[in-house]
Amino acid sequence: MQVLHKLRVAAVQLNSQEDVEANLKSAESLIEAAVADGSRLVVLPEYANYLAETDKLKHAETLEGRTISLFRKIAEKHGVYLHCGSFIEKSEDPNRAFNTSVLIGPQGEVVAVYRKIHLFDVVIPEQVEARESATIKPGRKVVVADTDFGRVGLTICYDLRFPELYRALTDKGARLIFVPAAFTLYTGKDHWEPLLRARAIENQVFIIAAGQFGSHPPGHMCYGNSMVIDPWGTVIARAAEGVGYIIADIDWSIQERVRRNLPCLEHRALLETGRGGSV
């Protein structure tokens, strides 16, 4: 497989609401603008097609449903890779669905499907109360995919707090990792960028983090701050407040240089986990 040496990417920042058609229209418009700017890979945020706490299961679809069918047509029309962020996918459990990412190729083919492993069940008094597991069931599979520009890894939002997943993706050969998100404003202002940069630095990978921005029903706030980060931990593109997209040019030689000059992935040691000391 011939790997492209440089790649122009876009991270789309949305303010998705309860109206699926309006959300899809907004996403399509921004995808087309990003493609017109030369992007060959466009990444959407978590819950791109529907973001609300009410009637979530009523908006669950299959991989053959409205949302993914539309995104496949868009990717094929423009001949680009399109990461759908995530959507609510029907499962065999009528009481819970999956939070699912789909990576689509330039012929409109489904390249990879990832179901969010770590669910956001967090209560911070007077700030955040979320029980994602009430309507979403966790996936179990670590997912990487081969593309024309190299191997990529898939994660979603709260996964960001679990470095072992990112190391597993790196061990499987991922050079770039997606982090579509609907990160809360309260946690995002302190944790979003430090966690993203840490995952990039410790695994020496590119990170594309497309986020939701602003309020969504019933009045929750998302942090936004979509960004692209290189393997040194440098933020090479950052979104302003509001709906829009950012462009970044990924140069794979940067990753090669970082891994050559600071070969920490080769220096890892197996650690004994016994309780006592030794002499």
Protein backbone atom coordinates (compact mmCIF):
# COMPACT_ATOMS: atom_id res chain seq x y z
CA MET A 1 0.00 0.00 0.00
CA GLN A 2 1.37 3.40 -1.01
CA VAL A 3 1.21 5.83 1.91
CA LEU A 4 0.74 9.54 1.24
CA HIS A 5 3.61 11.57 2.70
CA LYS A 6 1.44 14.56 3.55
CA LEU A 7 -2.27 14.78 4.24
CA ARG A 8 -4.63 17.73 4.57
CA VAL A 9 -7.28 17.06 7.23
CA ALA A 10 -10.28 18.89 8.63
CA ALA A 11 -11.98 18.68 12.02
CA VAL A 12 -15.59 19.87 11.94
CA GLN A 13 -17.07 21.57 15.01
CA LEU A 14 -20.87 21.29 15.29
CA ASN A 15 -23.65 22.38 17.61
CA SER A 16 -25.96 19.42 17.05
CA GLN A 17 -29.47 19.52 18.51
CA GLU A 18 -32.66 17.43 18.40
CA ASP A 19 -33.38 18.01 14.69
CA VAL A 20 -31.59 15.23 12.83
CA GLU A 21 -32.18 16.70 9.37
CA ALA A 22 -30.89 20.12 10.42
CA ASN A 23 -27.81 18.50 12.00
CA LEU A 24 -27.07 16.48 8.87
CA LYS A 25 -27.53 19.55 6.67
CA SER A 26 -25.08 21.52 8.80
CA ALA A 27 -22.55 18.68 8.71
CA GLU A 28 -22.86 18.26 4.94
CA SER A 29 -22.33 21.97 4.33
CA LEU A 30 -19.17 22.04 6.45
CA ILE A 31 -17.83 18.83 4.91
CA GLU A 32 -18.20 20.34 1.44
CA ALA A 33 -16.46 23.55 2.54
CA ALA A 34 -13.58 21.56 4.05
CA VAL A 35 -13.22 19.51 0.88
CA ALA A 36 -13.15 22.71 -1.16
CA ASP A 37 -10.23 23.78 1.07
CA GLY A 38 -8.34 20.68 -0.01
CA SER A 39 -9.08 18.25 2.83
CA ARG A 40 -8.74 14.57 1.97
CA LEU A 41 -9.91 13.46 5.43
CA VAL A 42 -12.82 15.12 7.23
CA VAL A 43 -13.71 14.29 10.85
CA LEU A 44 -17.03 15.05 12.59
CA PRO A 45 -17.74 15.17 16.36
CA GLU A 46 -19.49 12.68 18.63
CA TYR A 47 -23.29 12.42 18.27
CA ALA A 48 -23.08 14.38 15.03
CA ASN A 49 -26.61 13.55 13.90
CA TYR A 50 -28.46 13.92 17.23
CA LEU A 51 -27.38 15.43 20.54
CA ALA A 52 -29.99 15.54 23.29
CA GLU A 53 -30.87 13.53 26.36
CA THR A 54 -34.52 13.01 25.41
CA ASP A 55 -35.74 10.37 22.95
CA LYS A 56 -32.21 9.20 22.24
CA LEU A 57 -33.24 5.62 21.50
CA LYS A 58 -35.97 6.78 19.11
CA HIS A 59 -33.23 8.18 16.92
CA ALA A 60 -31.12 5.01 16.84
CA GLU A 61 -30.37 3.76 13.33
CA THR A 62 -28.60 0.84 11.70
CA LEU A 63 -25.45 1.08 9.63
CA GLU A 64 -27.77 1.08 6.60
CA GLY A 65 -29.90 3.95 7.96
CA ARG A 66 -30.27 7.58 6.93
CA THR A 67 -27.16 8.96 8.61
CA ILE A 68 -24.47 6.55 7.43
CA SER A 69 -26.07 6.20 3.98
CA LEU A 70 -25.86 9.97 3.54
CA PHE A 71 -22.26 10.15 4.75
CA ARG A 72 -21.28 7.33 2.40
CA LYS A 73 -22.74 9.25 -0.54
CA ILE A 74 -20.92 12.42 0.49
CA ALA A 75 -17.57 10.61 0.81
CA GLU A 76 -18.01 8.96 -2.57
CA LYS A 77 -19.13 12.19 -4.23
CA HIS A 78 -15.98 14.01 -3.14
CA GLY A 79 -13.59 11.05 -3.15
CA VAL A 80 -12.46 11.64 0.44
CA TYR A 81 -12.22 9.79 3.72
CA LEU A 82 -15.01 10.79 6.09
CA HIS A 83 -15.11 9.98 9.79
CA CYS A 84 -18.73 10.32 10.91
CA GLY A 85 -17.85 11.28 14.49
CA SER A 86 -20.45 9.05 16.06
CA PHE A 87 -24.13 8.23 15.77
CA ILE A 88 -26.66 6.23 17.81
CA GLU A 89 -26.66 2.70 16.44
CA LYS A 90 -29.40 0.19 17.14
CA SER A 91 -28.38 -2.90 19.07
CA GLU A 92 -30.12 -6.17 19.87
CA ASP A 93 -31.10 -4.65 23.23
CA PRO A 94 -34.29 -2.56 22.86
CA ASN A 95 -33.34 -0.53 25.93
CA ARG A 96 -29.83 0.45 24.88
CA ALA A 97 -28.03 1.38 21.68
CA PHE A 98 -24.36 1.77 20.74
CA ASN A 99 -22.46 5.04 20.41
CA THR A 100 -20.76 4.20 17.13
CA SER A 101 -18.06 5.72 14.92
CA VAL A 102 -17.82 4.85 11.25
CA LEU A 103 -14.85 5.61 9.01
CA ILE A 104 -15.88 5.80 5.36
CA GLY A 105 -13.52 5.55 2.39
CA PRO A 106 -13.34 7.57 -0.83
CA GLN A 107 -15.47 5.06 -2.74
CA GLY A 108 -18.17 5.32 -0.10
CA GLU A 109 -17.13 2.04 1.50
CA VAL A 110 -17.26 1.39 5.23
CA VAL A 111 -13.63 1.07 6.31
CA ALA A 112 -14.09 0.64 10.07
CA VAL A 113 -16.79 0.56 12.74
CA TYR A 114 -16.00 1.32 16.39
CA ARG A 115 -18.44 1.17 19.29
CA LYS A 116 -17.52 3.35 22.27
CA ILE A 117 -15.98 1.27 25.06
CA HIS A 118 -15.91 3.67 28.01
CA LEU A 119 -19.27 5.24 28.89
CA PHE A 120 -19.65 8.64 30.55
CA ASP A 121 -21.30 7.90 33.90
CA VAL A 122 -20.17 10.88 35.94
CA VAL A 123 -21.76 12.98 38.68
CA ILE A 124 -20.03 16.18 39.79
CA PRO A 125 -22.41 17.93 42.20
CA GLU A 126 -24.02 21.06 40.74
CA GLN A 127 -21.89 20.78 37.59
CA VAL A 128 -22.18 17.53 35.63
CA GLU A 129 -24.63 14.66 35.85
CA ALA A 130 -24.44 12.09 33.07
CA ARG A 131 -25.38 8.42 32.88
CA GLU A 132 -24.57 7.39 29.34
CA SER A 133 -24.95 3.72 30.24
CA ALA A 134 -28.67 4.23 30.85
CA THR A 135 -29.24 4.31 27.09
CA ILE A 136 -25.89 3.20 25.61
CA LYS A 137 -24.21 -0.19 25.87
CA PRO A 138 -20.42 -0.42 25.67
CA GLY A 139 -18.46 -1.87 22.82
CA ARG A 140 -15.64 -4.32 23.52
CA LYS A 141 -13.35 -4.18 20.49
CA VAL A 142 -10.22 -2.10 19.97
CA VAL A 143 -10.39 -0.91 16.35
CA VAL A 144 -7.68 0.11 13.91
CA ALA A 145 -8.02 0.50 10.15
CA ASP A 146 -5.70 0.67 7.17
CA THR A 147 -6.09 3.66 4.85
CA ASP A 148 -4.24 5.20 1.92
CA PHE A 149 -2.36 7.38 4.41
CA GLY A 150 -1.49 4.72 6.99
CA ARG A 151 -3.09 2.93 9.91
CA VAL A 152 -5.51 4.85 12.14
CA GLY A 153 -7.11 4.19 15.52
CA LEU A 154 -10.66 4.95 16.65
CA THR A 155 -11.81 6.27 20.04
CA ILE A 156 -14.73 8.41 21.26
CA CYS A 157 -14.78 11.22 23.86
CA TYR A 158 -14.61 9.67 27.38
CA ASP A 159 -12.20 7.03 26.04
CA LEU A 160 -9.65 9.84 26.23
CA ARG A 161 -9.25 9.28 29.98
CA PHE A 162 -8.04 5.70 29.50
CA PRO A 163 -4.45 5.72 28.21
CA GLU A 164 -4.31 1.92 27.95
CA LEU A 165 -6.71 2.09 24.98
CA TYR A 166 -4.45 4.53 23.15
CA ARG A 167 -1.40 2.40 23.84
CA ALA A 168 -3.25 -0.65 22.50
CA LEU A 169 -4.06 1.28 19.31
CA THR A 170 -0.43 2.36 19.00
CA ASP A 171 0.75 -1.21 19.53
CA LYS A 172 -1.55 -2.20 16.68
CA GLY A 173 0.23 0.29 14.42
CA ALA A 174 -1.98 3.39 14.58
CA ARG A 175 -0.17 6.52 13.41
CA LEU A 176 -3.18 8.79 13.82
CA ILE A 177 -6.01 8.50 16.36
CA PHE A 178 -9.48 10.03 16.15
CA VAL A 179 -11.17 11.57 19.20
CA PRO A 180 -14.66 12.79 18.24
CA ALA A 181 -16.27 14.28 21.34
CA ALA A 182 -19.08 16.12 23.09
CA PHE A 183 -16.86 17.07 26.04
CA THR A 184 -18.61 18.99 28.79
CA LEU A 185 -17.66 22.62 29.32
CA TYR A 186 -16.93 22.07 33.03
CA THR A 187 -14.44 19.24 32.52
CA GLY A 188 -13.22 20.41 29.13
CA LYS A 189 -11.83 23.74 30.27
CA ASP A 190 -9.34 21.96 32.54
CA HIS A 191 -8.85 18.50 31.04
CA TRP A 192 -9.52 18.44 27.29
CA GLU A 193 -6.27 19.86 25.94
CA PRO A 194 -3.93 18.33 28.56
CA LEU A 195 -5.38 14.86 27.96
CA LEU A 196 -5.25 15.16 24.18
CA ARG A 197 -1.67 16.38 24.23
CA ALA A 198 -0.67 13.64 26.67
CA ARG A 199 -2.13 10.92 24.44
CA ALA A 200 -0.27 12.37 21.44
CA ILE A 201 3.04 12.71 23.31
CA GLU A 202 3.11 9.34 25.05
CA ASN A 203 2.19 7.45 21.88
CA GLN A 204 3.92 9.74 19.39
CA VAL A 205 0.83 9.88 17.19
CA PHE A 206 -1.24 12.54 15.47
CA ILE A 207 -4.57 13.28 17.16
CA ILE A 208 -7.65 14.68 15.41
CA ALA A 209 -10.21 15.78 17.99
CA ALA A 210 -13.48 17.14 16.58
CA GLY A 211 -15.84 18.45 19.24
CA GLN A 212 -19.37 19.64 19.78
CA PHE A 213 -19.69 23.28 20.86
CA GLY A 214 -22.31 25.17 22.86
CA SER A 215 -25.58 24.19 24.48
CA HIS A 216 -27.81 21.24 23.66
CA PRO A 217 -31.04 19.99 25.26
CA PRO A 218 -31.73 20.06 28.14
CA GLY A 219 -29.25 22.91 28.60
CA HIS A 220 -25.95 21.04 28.76
CA MET A 221 -22.84 22.80 27.47
CA CYS A 222 -20.08 21.36 25.27
CA TYR A 223 -16.56 22.74 25.32
CA GLY A 224 -15.68 22.74 21.60
CA ASN A 225 -12.00 23.58 21.10
CA SER A 226 -11.60 21.07 18.29
CA MET A 227 -7.93 20.58 17.53
CA VAL A 228 -5.27 18.68 15.63
CA ILE A 229 -2.12 17.72 17.54
CA ASP A 230 1.18 16.39 16.25
CA PRO A 231 3.32 13.61 17.83
CA TRP A 232 5.42 16.16 19.73
CA GLY A 233 2.26 17.38 21.46
CA THR A 234 2.04 20.64 19.51
CA VAL A 235 -1.44 21.91 18.69
CA ILE A 236 -1.19 22.60 14.95
CA ALA A 237 -4.81 23.71 14.49
CA ARG A 238 -7.46 24.88 16.94
CA ALA A 239 -11.08 25.88 16.38
CA ALA A 240 -12.53 29.19 17.47
CA GLU A 241 -15.81 29.30 19.37
CA GLY A 242 -18.84 28.40 17.29
CA VAL A 243 -19.70 26.11 14.41
CA GLY A 244 -17.08 25.66 11.70
CA TYR A 245 -14.01 23.63 10.79
CA ILE A 246 -10.24 23.73 11.06
CA ILE A 247 -7.65 22.65 8.52
CA ALA A 248 -4.26 21.09 9.23
CA ASP A 249 -1.55 19.59 7.04
CA ILE A 250 -0.20 16.38 8.52
CA ASP A 251 3.43 15.71 7.65
CA TRP A 252 4.32 12.11 8.44
CA SER A 253 8.03 12.95 8.45
CA ILE A 254 7.44 14.78 11.74
CA GLN A 255 6.28 11.54 13.32
CA GLU A 256 9.22 9.65 11.88
CA ARG A 257 11.64 12.23 13.28
CA VAL A 258 10.03 12.27 16.73
CA ARG A 259 10.09 8.49 17.00
CA ARG A 260 13.68 8.34 15.78
CA ASN A 261 15.02 11.07 18.07
CA LEU A 262 13.04 10.07 21.15
CA PRO A 263 12.46 6.31 20.81
CA CYS A 264 10.44 5.89 24.01
CA LEU A 265 8.11 3.35 22.41
CA GLU A 266 11.17 1.10 22.02
CA HIS A 267 12.34 1.76 25.58
CA ARG A 268 9.32 0.38 27.37
CA ALA A 269 10.10 -2.14 30.09
CA LEU A 270 7.87 -4.88 31.42
CA LEU A 271 7.13 -4.10 35.03
CA GLU A 272 6.71 -6.65 37.77
CA THR A 273 3.57 -6.03 39.80
CA GLY A 274 4.38 -8.07 42.91
CA ARG A 275 3.51 -6.57 46.29
CA GLY A 276 6.84 -7.04 48.01
CA GLY A 277 10.31 -5.67 47.36
CA SER A 278 13.31 -7.68 46.23
CA VAL A 279 17.01 -7.69 47.02
